[in-house]
Amino acid sequence: MPNGVWVSSNQAVYPSGLVTPNAALAGLLAQQGVSPSADNRTINTNVTSGTQDDNGGFAATVNWKLGDYTLTSVSAYRRWHNAQREEYDQLAGPPTATIPQAADLGILDFDQYSEEARIASPKSEFFDYVAGIYYMHAVDGENYNRTDQLANGTEPKGVAYYGTTGNDYAVFAEGDINFTDKFRGILGARFVHDDLDYYMQRNAPLTGLGIGPSFSSTGSTEANDYTDRIGLQYDVADGVMTYFTYSHGYKGPAFNVFFNMSAVNTAPLKPETSDAYEIGVKTNLYQHKLEANVSAFIDDFDNYQANFASVINGGLVTNLINAGSVSTRGPSRPISRPGRPMR
C-alpha cells in the first residue's frame, strides 16, 4: 500500500519552518476515525491501493590472464517495471465542495545496460593498480494519470507521458603505493562525461486537485567532472590498521521530470559534488573472530539534490531541486561483529 499514514495534522510554512495546527484537516481525519501520531497505522480510503514491482537483470564477468596481469570484462543489464494505484486525497467518502476525491495510476519501465573493461596489475609490487573504462545506457519511460471527482459532478483528469535517456562514460584508475610492508598510500581518480535528455507531455483539458494545465517540453544537458580518492594506511600491529582518506564525489546532472512538470521545472539540476574526509581505525582480532571499527568524518556537499514540497492547484506535490550546501560530520559508531579479512 503506497499511500503512507498520517503522523500529524499540523502545517509547516516554508522557509520559516513555523508549525501551526490545521483544525480543518484534524476535523476531517477525526470524522474518518484517523488519529495522526507517530504510532498511527490507521487509514480510511475508498480506493484499493497497491504497488507491483518486477525487477530483474544479469551480469556476466569474464577474466583473461595476460602474463601477470588480469583483464576483466563486466557486462550487465537491469530492468525495473513498476505499476501503482493510490488514493491521492487519502480520505474516504464522497467529494465535498472543498475536497475532491482523487486517484492516481502510474506505470514505469526502466532499462539499464552497462559495460566495464579493466586491467589489474600483479600484487606485491611497489605500485599495484586497477584501471579501466565504463559505459552505461539508461532509459526511463513513464505514464501517469490522475483523476479527480468533484462535488459538482465533473471529473478533471490529467495524463502525462515522460521519460529520460542517459549515457554515462568514464575512465578510472586506482592504485596502492606500498612504501613498506606496513605503510601504504591510496591514489585513485575517475573522469566522467554524462549526457542526459528528457521528454514530457501532459494532457489536462480540465485542471483539478494536483493537476496542472496541459504542458509539453523536451531538453538535454551534458556535464564533465571527476571523482578522486587519496589516503594513507598504516598497520600498527597485526589486525590493527589506522587510515586517513580524502575523497571528492560527484552525482550527475538531472531533470526534474514528473507528472506536474511545468515551465519553471525545465532547467537541468546542477551536478551534486562532495568533499569527504575520514580518519579511523579498523581492527580484526582473535584470528579474524572479532572486527571492531571506529572513525570520524566530515562530508560537505554542494548543489545538493533533494526533494522539495510545493502546492499545485491545492494538491501537495514533490519535485527535485538543488538545495544548496549541506554538511554532515561526526564520529561513526563503533562496529563490532564477527571478523573478516581486512583490506
Protein backbone atom coordinates (compact mmCIF):
# COMPACT_ATOMS: atom_id res chain seq x y z
CA MET A 1 0.00 0.00 0.00
CA PRO A 2 1.90 3.14 -1.19
CA ASN A 3 -0.20 5.86 0.47
CA GLY A 4 1.55 6.18 3.80
CA VAL A 5 -0.13 7.12 7.08
CA TRP A 6 -0.98 10.38 8.83
CA VAL A 7 1.53 11.26 11.55
CA SER A 8 0.38 14.86 12.08
CA SER A 9 -2.36 17.29 11.05
CA ASN A 10 -0.14 20.35 11.55
CA GLN A 11 1.14 22.50 8.71
CA ALA A 12 4.61 23.99 8.28
CA VAL A 13 5.42 27.26 6.48
CA TYR A 14 8.42 27.40 4.15
CA PRO A 15 11.06 28.76 4.56
CA SER A 16 10.48 29.89 8.16
CA GLY A 17 9.53 26.42 9.37
CA LEU A 18 6.73 27.83 11.51
CA VAL A 19 4.37 24.98 12.53
CA THR A 20 0.70 25.69 13.21
CA PRO A 21 -2.32 23.43 13.80
CA ASN A 22 -4.61 22.70 10.85
CA ALA A 23 -8.01 22.43 12.55
CA ALA A 24 -9.89 21.68 9.32
CA LEU A 25 -7.67 18.72 8.47
CA ALA A 26 -7.75 17.44 12.04
CA GLY A 27 -11.56 17.55 11.96
CA LEU A 28 -11.75 15.67 8.66
CA LEU A 29 -9.40 12.96 9.89
CA ALA A 30 -11.39 12.61 13.11
CA GLN A 31 -14.54 12.05 11.04
CA GLN A 32 -12.66 9.27 9.22
CA GLY A 33 -11.62 7.64 12.50
CA VAL A 34 -7.95 8.53 11.99
CA SER A 35 -5.83 9.94 14.84
CA PRO A 36 -2.50 11.24 13.49
CA SER A 37 0.54 10.26 15.55
CA ALA A 38 3.97 8.73 15.20
CA ASP A 39 2.41 5.34 16.03
CA ASN A 40 -0.65 5.69 13.78
CA ARG A 41 -1.28 2.74 11.46
CA THR A 42 -4.89 3.56 10.54
CA ILE A 43 -6.09 4.83 7.15
CA ASN A 44 -9.56 5.24 5.68
CA THR A 45 -9.74 5.45 1.88
CA ASN A 46 -12.16 4.42 -0.84
CA VAL A 47 -9.58 3.36 -3.43
CA THR A 48 -7.88 -0.01 -3.31
CA SER A 49 -4.20 0.92 -3.42
CA GLY A 50 -1.33 -1.29 -4.37
CA THR A 51 2.10 -1.50 -5.96
CA GLN A 52 3.59 -4.19 -8.17
CA ASP A 53 7.34 -4.29 -8.67
CA ASP A 54 9.17 -6.52 -11.14
CA ASN A 55 12.96 -6.41 -11.04
CA GLY A 56 15.45 -8.46 -12.98
CA GLY A 57 18.80 -8.47 -14.65
CA PHE A 58 22.08 -10.26 -15.11
CA ALA A 59 25.80 -9.64 -15.00
CA ALA A 60 28.49 -11.61 -16.81
CA THR A 61 32.13 -11.37 -15.72
CA VAL A 62 34.95 -12.76 -17.86
CA ASN A 63 38.63 -12.76 -16.82
CA TRP A 64 41.66 -13.28 -19.05
CA LYS A 65 45.22 -13.77 -17.80
CA LEU A 66 47.81 -11.71 -19.68
CA GLY A 67 51.02 -12.86 -18.07
CA ASP A 68 50.93 -11.46 -14.54
CA TYR A 69 48.07 -9.08 -15.42
CA THR A 70 44.33 -9.77 -15.38
CA LEU A 71 41.96 -8.32 -17.96
CA THR A 72 38.29 -8.27 -16.87
CA SER A 73 35.04 -7.58 -18.71
CA VAL A 74 31.76 -7.00 -16.82
CA SER A 75 28.58 -6.83 -18.94
CA ALA A 76 25.33 -6.11 -17.11
CA TYR A 77 21.65 -5.48 -17.76
CA ARG A 78 18.98 -4.34 -15.31
CA ARG A 79 15.22 -3.94 -15.76
CA TRP A 80 12.61 -2.42 -13.43
CA HIS A 81 8.86 -2.37 -14.07
CA ASN A 82 6.59 -0.67 -11.54
CA ALA A 83 2.81 -0.23 -11.53
CA GLN A 84 0.97 1.53 -8.74
CA ARG A 85 -2.51 2.72 -7.93
CA GLU A 86 -3.02 5.01 -4.97
CA GLU A 87 -5.51 7.23 -3.23
CA TYR A 88 -4.24 10.78 -3.68
CA ASP A 89 -6.58 12.57 -1.24
CA GLN A 90 -6.23 9.82 1.42
CA LEU A 91 -9.84 10.26 2.61
CA ALA A 92 -12.95 8.14 2.18
CA GLY A 93 -16.44 9.33 1.35
CA PRO A 94 -17.96 11.38 -1.47
CA PRO A 95 -16.31 14.61 -2.68
CA THR A 96 -17.20 17.84 -0.89
CA ALA A 97 -17.21 21.44 -2.05
CA THR A 98 -13.63 21.87 -0.85
CA ILE A 99 -12.11 18.38 -1.10
CA PRO A 100 -12.45 16.28 -4.26
CA GLN A 101 -11.82 12.56 -4.46
CA ALA A 102 -8.62 11.82 -6.37
CA ALA A 103 -6.91 8.63 -7.52
CA ASP A 104 -3.59 8.02 -9.30
CA LEU A 105 -2.40 5.30 -11.63
CA GLY A 106 1.25 5.16 -12.68
CA ILE A 107 3.39 2.79 -14.77
CA LEU A 108 7.18 2.91 -15.03
CA ASP A 109 9.60 0.98 -17.27
CA PHE A 110 13.34 1.32 -16.74
CA ASP A 111 16.17 -0.43 -18.60
CA GLN A 112 19.89 -0.10 -17.94
CA TYR A 113 22.83 -1.55 -19.88
CA SER A 114 26.45 -1.26 -18.81
CA GLU A 115 29.89 -2.46 -19.85
CA GLU A 116 33.14 -2.23 -17.92
CA ALA A 117 36.61 -3.30 -19.05
CA ARG A 118 39.52 -3.12 -16.63
CA ILE A 119 43.03 -4.37 -16.15
CA ALA A 120 44.65 -5.28 -12.82
CA SER A 121 48.37 -5.32 -12.24
CA PRO A 122 50.16 -8.06 -10.28
CA LYS A 123 50.11 -7.70 -6.49
CA SER A 124 53.06 -7.31 -4.11
CA GLU A 125 54.72 -4.67 -6.28
CA PHE A 126 55.73 -1.19 -5.13
CA PHE A 127 52.72 0.11 -7.09
CA ASP A 128 49.75 -2.12 -7.89
CA TYR A 129 46.68 -0.78 -9.63
CA VAL A 130 43.38 -1.31 -11.41
CA ALA A 131 42.44 0.82 -14.44
CA GLY A 132 39.62 0.72 -16.94
CA ILE A 133 36.75 2.24 -18.89
CA TYR A 134 33.00 2.21 -18.23
CA TYR A 135 29.81 2.91 -20.22
CA MET A 136 26.16 2.90 -19.12
CA HIS A 137 22.98 3.48 -21.14
CA ALA A 138 19.77 4.01 -19.13
CA VAL A 139 16.25 4.59 -20.45
CA ASP A 140 13.27 5.51 -18.26
CA GLY A 141 9.71 5.77 -19.61
CA GLU A 142 6.66 6.55 -17.50
CA ASN A 143 2.97 7.29 -17.89
CA TYR A 144 0.89 8.64 -15.05
CA ASN A 145 -2.70 9.76 -14.75
CA ARG A 146 -4.66 11.47 -12.01
CA THR A 147 -8.47 11.63 -11.88
CA ASP A 148 -10.48 13.93 -9.61
CA GLN A 149 -14.15 13.64 -8.75
CA LEU A 150 -15.70 16.98 -7.84
CA ALA A 151 -18.90 17.62 -5.91
CA ASN A 152 -20.44 19.28 -9.00
CA GLY A 153 -20.12 16.02 -10.94
CA THR A 154 -17.16 16.99 -13.15
CA GLU A 155 -14.05 14.79 -13.35
CA PRO A 156 -10.83 16.70 -14.14
CA LYS A 157 -8.16 14.33 -15.43
CA GLY A 158 -4.53 14.67 -16.34
CA VAL A 159 -2.49 12.13 -18.30
CA ALA A 160 1.28 12.53 -18.63
CA TYR A 161 3.94 10.69 -20.62
CA TYR A 162 7.54 11.43 -19.76
CA GLY A 163 10.98 9.91 -19.54
CA THR A 164 14.74 10.31 -19.71
CA THR A 165 17.65 8.78 -21.60
CA GLY A 166 21.14 8.90 -20.13
CA ASN A 167 24.57 7.91 -21.41
CA ASP A 168 27.46 7.87 -18.95
CA TYR A 169 31.13 7.41 -19.89
CA ALA A 170 34.09 7.07 -17.54
CA VAL A 171 37.78 6.21 -17.36
CA PHE A 172 39.19 5.27 -13.98
CA ALA A 173 42.26 4.07 -12.13
CA GLU A 174 43.16 3.36 -8.51
CA GLY A 175 46.38 2.07 -7.06
CA ASP A 176 48.20 1.26 -3.84
CA ILE A 177 51.70 2.65 -3.26
CA ASN A 178 53.40 0.17 -0.95
CA PHE A 179 56.07 2.26 0.78
CA THR A 180 56.73 -0.56 3.25
CA ASP A 181 55.01 -3.77 4.30
CA LYS A 182 53.04 -1.74 6.88
CA PHE A 183 52.71 1.71 5.30
CA ARG A 184 50.88 2.38 2.02
CA GLY A 185 49.23 5.17 0.09
CA ILE A 186 46.00 5.13 -1.95
CA LEU A 187 45.57 7.14 -5.11
CA GLY A 188 42.55 6.94 -7.39
CA ALA A 189 40.57 9.02 -9.88
CA ARG A 190 37.58 8.69 -12.20
CA PHE A 191 36.81 11.07 -15.05
CA VAL A 192 33.19 11.11 -16.21
CA HIS A 193 31.06 12.50 -19.02
CA ASP A 194 27.25 12.50 -18.72
CA ASP A 195 24.67 13.03 -21.50
CA LEU A 196 21.04 13.34 -20.45
CA ASP A 197 17.82 14.23 -22.27
CA TYR A 198 14.13 14.15 -21.43
CA TYR A 199 10.65 14.43 -22.92
CA MET A 200 7.38 15.44 -21.27
CA GLN A 201 3.76 15.58 -22.49
CA ARG A 202 0.81 16.24 -20.17
CA ASN A 203 -2.75 16.43 -21.44
CA ALA A 204 -5.14 18.07 -18.98
CA PRO A 205 -8.17 19.71 -20.66
CA LEU A 206 -9.65 20.46 -17.21
CA THR A 207 -7.36 21.13 -14.25
CA GLY A 208 -8.13 19.95 -10.74
CA LEU A 209 -6.55 18.99 -7.41
CA GLY A 210 -2.84 18.46 -8.05
CA ILE A 211 -3.36 18.63 -11.84
CA GLY A 212 -1.58 21.39 -13.73
CA PRO A 213 -2.62 22.58 -17.21
CA SER A 214 -1.51 20.81 -20.40
CA PHE A 215 2.23 21.10 -20.98
CA SER A 216 4.93 19.64 -23.23
CA SER A 217 8.69 20.04 -23.27
CA THR A 218 11.98 18.40 -24.27
CA GLY A 219 15.54 19.17 -23.32
CA SER A 220 19.08 17.90 -22.93
CA THR A 221 22.23 18.60 -20.96
CA GLU A 222 25.76 17.27 -20.50
CA ALA A 223 28.48 17.53 -17.90
CA ASN A 224 32.14 16.64 -17.37
CA ASP A 225 33.55 16.06 -13.92
CA TYR A 226 35.66 13.74 -11.81
CA THR A 227 35.87 11.85 -8.55
CA ASP A 228 39.03 11.01 -6.69
CA ARG A 229 40.33 9.38 -3.54
CA ILE A 230 43.67 9.74 -1.79
CA GLY A 231 44.70 8.29 1.53
CA LEU A 232 47.23 6.70 3.80
CA GLN A 233 47.10 3.39 5.68
CA TYR A 234 49.41 2.17 8.44
CA ASP A 235 49.35 -1.23 10.12
CA VAL A 236 50.02 -0.51 13.80
CA ALA A 237 50.03 -4.22 14.64
CA ASP A 238 48.71 -7.46 13.26
CA GLY A 239 44.98 -6.92 12.72
CA VAL A 240 45.07 -3.18 13.58
CA MET A 241 45.12 -0.61 10.78
CA THR A 242 44.86 3.18 11.00
CA TYR A 243 43.90 5.28 7.99
CA PHE A 244 43.08 8.72 6.63
CA THR A 245 41.26 9.37 3.34
CA TYR A 246 40.05 12.33 1.34
CA SER A 247 37.56 11.82 -1.50
CA HIS A 248 35.76 14.06 -3.96
CA GLY A 249 32.34 12.77 -5.01
CA TYR A 250 30.07 13.57 -7.95
CA LYS A 251 26.43 12.91 -8.85
CA GLY A 252 25.50 13.80 -12.41
CA PRO A 253 23.00 16.39 -13.65
CA ALA A 254 19.28 15.65 -13.56
CA PHE A 255 15.99 16.86 -14.97
CA ASN A 256 13.01 17.32 -12.68
CA VAL A 257 10.66 15.25 -14.87
CA PHE A 258 7.42 14.38 -13.06
CA PHE A 259 3.65 14.41 -13.54
CA ASN A 260 3.23 18.13 -12.80
CA MET A 261 6.34 19.35 -14.59
CA SER A 262 5.91 22.91 -15.88
CA ALA A 263 7.99 25.66 -17.49
CA VAL A 264 9.62 26.55 -14.14
CA ASN A 265 11.00 22.98 -13.84
CA THR A 266 12.66 22.61 -17.25
CA ALA A 267 16.16 23.83 -16.33
CA PRO A 268 18.55 20.97 -15.54
CA LEU A 269 19.70 20.47 -11.98
CA LYS A 270 23.39 21.11 -11.45
CA PRO A 271 25.59 18.13 -10.63
CA GLU A 272 25.98 17.43 -6.93
CA THR A 273 29.55 17.32 -5.62
CA SER A 274 31.03 16.47 -2.24
CA ASP A 275 34.30 16.59 -0.34
CA ALA A 276 34.75 14.00 2.38
CA TYR A 277 37.47 13.48 4.99
CA GLU A 278 37.69 10.41 7.20
CA ILE A 279 40.13 9.15 9.81
CA GLY A 280 39.80 5.94 11.74
CA VAL A 281 40.98 2.59 12.99
CA LYS A 282 39.98 -0.86 11.72
CA THR A 283 40.73 -3.96 13.75
CA ASN A 284 40.42 -7.66 13.06
CA LEU A 285 41.29 -9.61 16.19
CA TYR A 286 41.45 -13.10 17.62
CA GLN A 287 42.26 -14.78 14.31
CA HIS A 288 39.51 -12.85 12.46
CA LYS A 289 36.84 -13.75 15.03
CA LEU A 290 36.11 -10.13 16.04
CA GLU A 291 36.03 -6.94 13.97
CA ALA A 292 35.81 -3.50 15.66
CA ASN A 293 35.99 -0.21 13.72
CA VAL A 294 35.78 3.45 14.72
CA SER A 295 36.10 6.60 12.62
CA ALA A 296 35.41 10.34 12.42
CA PHE A 297 34.32 12.10 9.24
CA ILE A 298 33.35 15.38 7.60
CA ASP A 299 31.30 15.38 4.38
CA ASP A 300 30.44 18.67 2.62
CA PHE A 301 28.01 18.77 -0.33
CA ASP A 302 27.47 21.48 -2.96
CA ASN A 303 24.34 21.72 -5.15
CA TYR A 304 22.75 19.02 -3.00
CA GLN A 305 19.90 17.33 -4.91
CA ALA A 306 16.82 16.89 -2.72
CA ASN A 307 13.03 16.63 -2.87
CA PHE A 308 11.04 19.82 -2.27
CA ALA A 309 7.33 20.02 -1.47
CA SER A 310 5.06 22.56 -3.20
CA VAL A 311 1.35 23.04 -3.88
CA ILE A 312 -0.29 22.88 -7.33
CA ASN A 313 -4.00 23.65 -7.54
CA GLY A 314 -4.43 22.78 -3.88
CA GLY A 315 -2.55 19.49 -4.13
CA LEU A 316 0.77 18.72 -2.43
CA VAL A 317 3.49 17.58 -4.87
CA THR A 318 7.22 16.96 -4.52
CA ASN A 319 9.93 17.72 -7.04
CA LEU A 320 13.71 17.67 -7.23
CA ILE A 321 15.77 20.83 -6.62
CA ASN A 322 19.34 21.90 -5.91
CA ALA A 323 19.07 22.58 -2.19
CA GLY A 324 22.43 24.37 -1.84
CA SER A 325 25.20 23.35 0.55
CA VAL A 326 24.80 20.59 3.12
CA SER A 327 27.28 19.22 5.63
CA THR A 328 27.35 16.13 7.79
CA ARG A 329 30.04 15.25 10.29
CA GLY A 330 30.81 13.38 13.46
CA PRO A 331 32.28 10.20 14.85
CA SER A 332 30.85 6.98 13.50
CA ARG A 333 29.59 4.41 15.92
CA PRO A 334 32.00 1.57 16.66
CA ILE A 335 31.14 -1.59 14.76
CA SER A 336 31.74 -4.94 16.43
CA ARG A 337 30.91 -8.14 14.62
CA PRO A 338 32.41 -11.47 13.58
CA GLY A 339 35.62 -10.74 11.76
CA ARG A 340 36.59 -10.95 8.12
CA PRO A 341 39.89 -10.39 6.28
CA MET A 342 40.97 -6.71 6.29
CA ARG A 343 41.62 -4.73 3.13
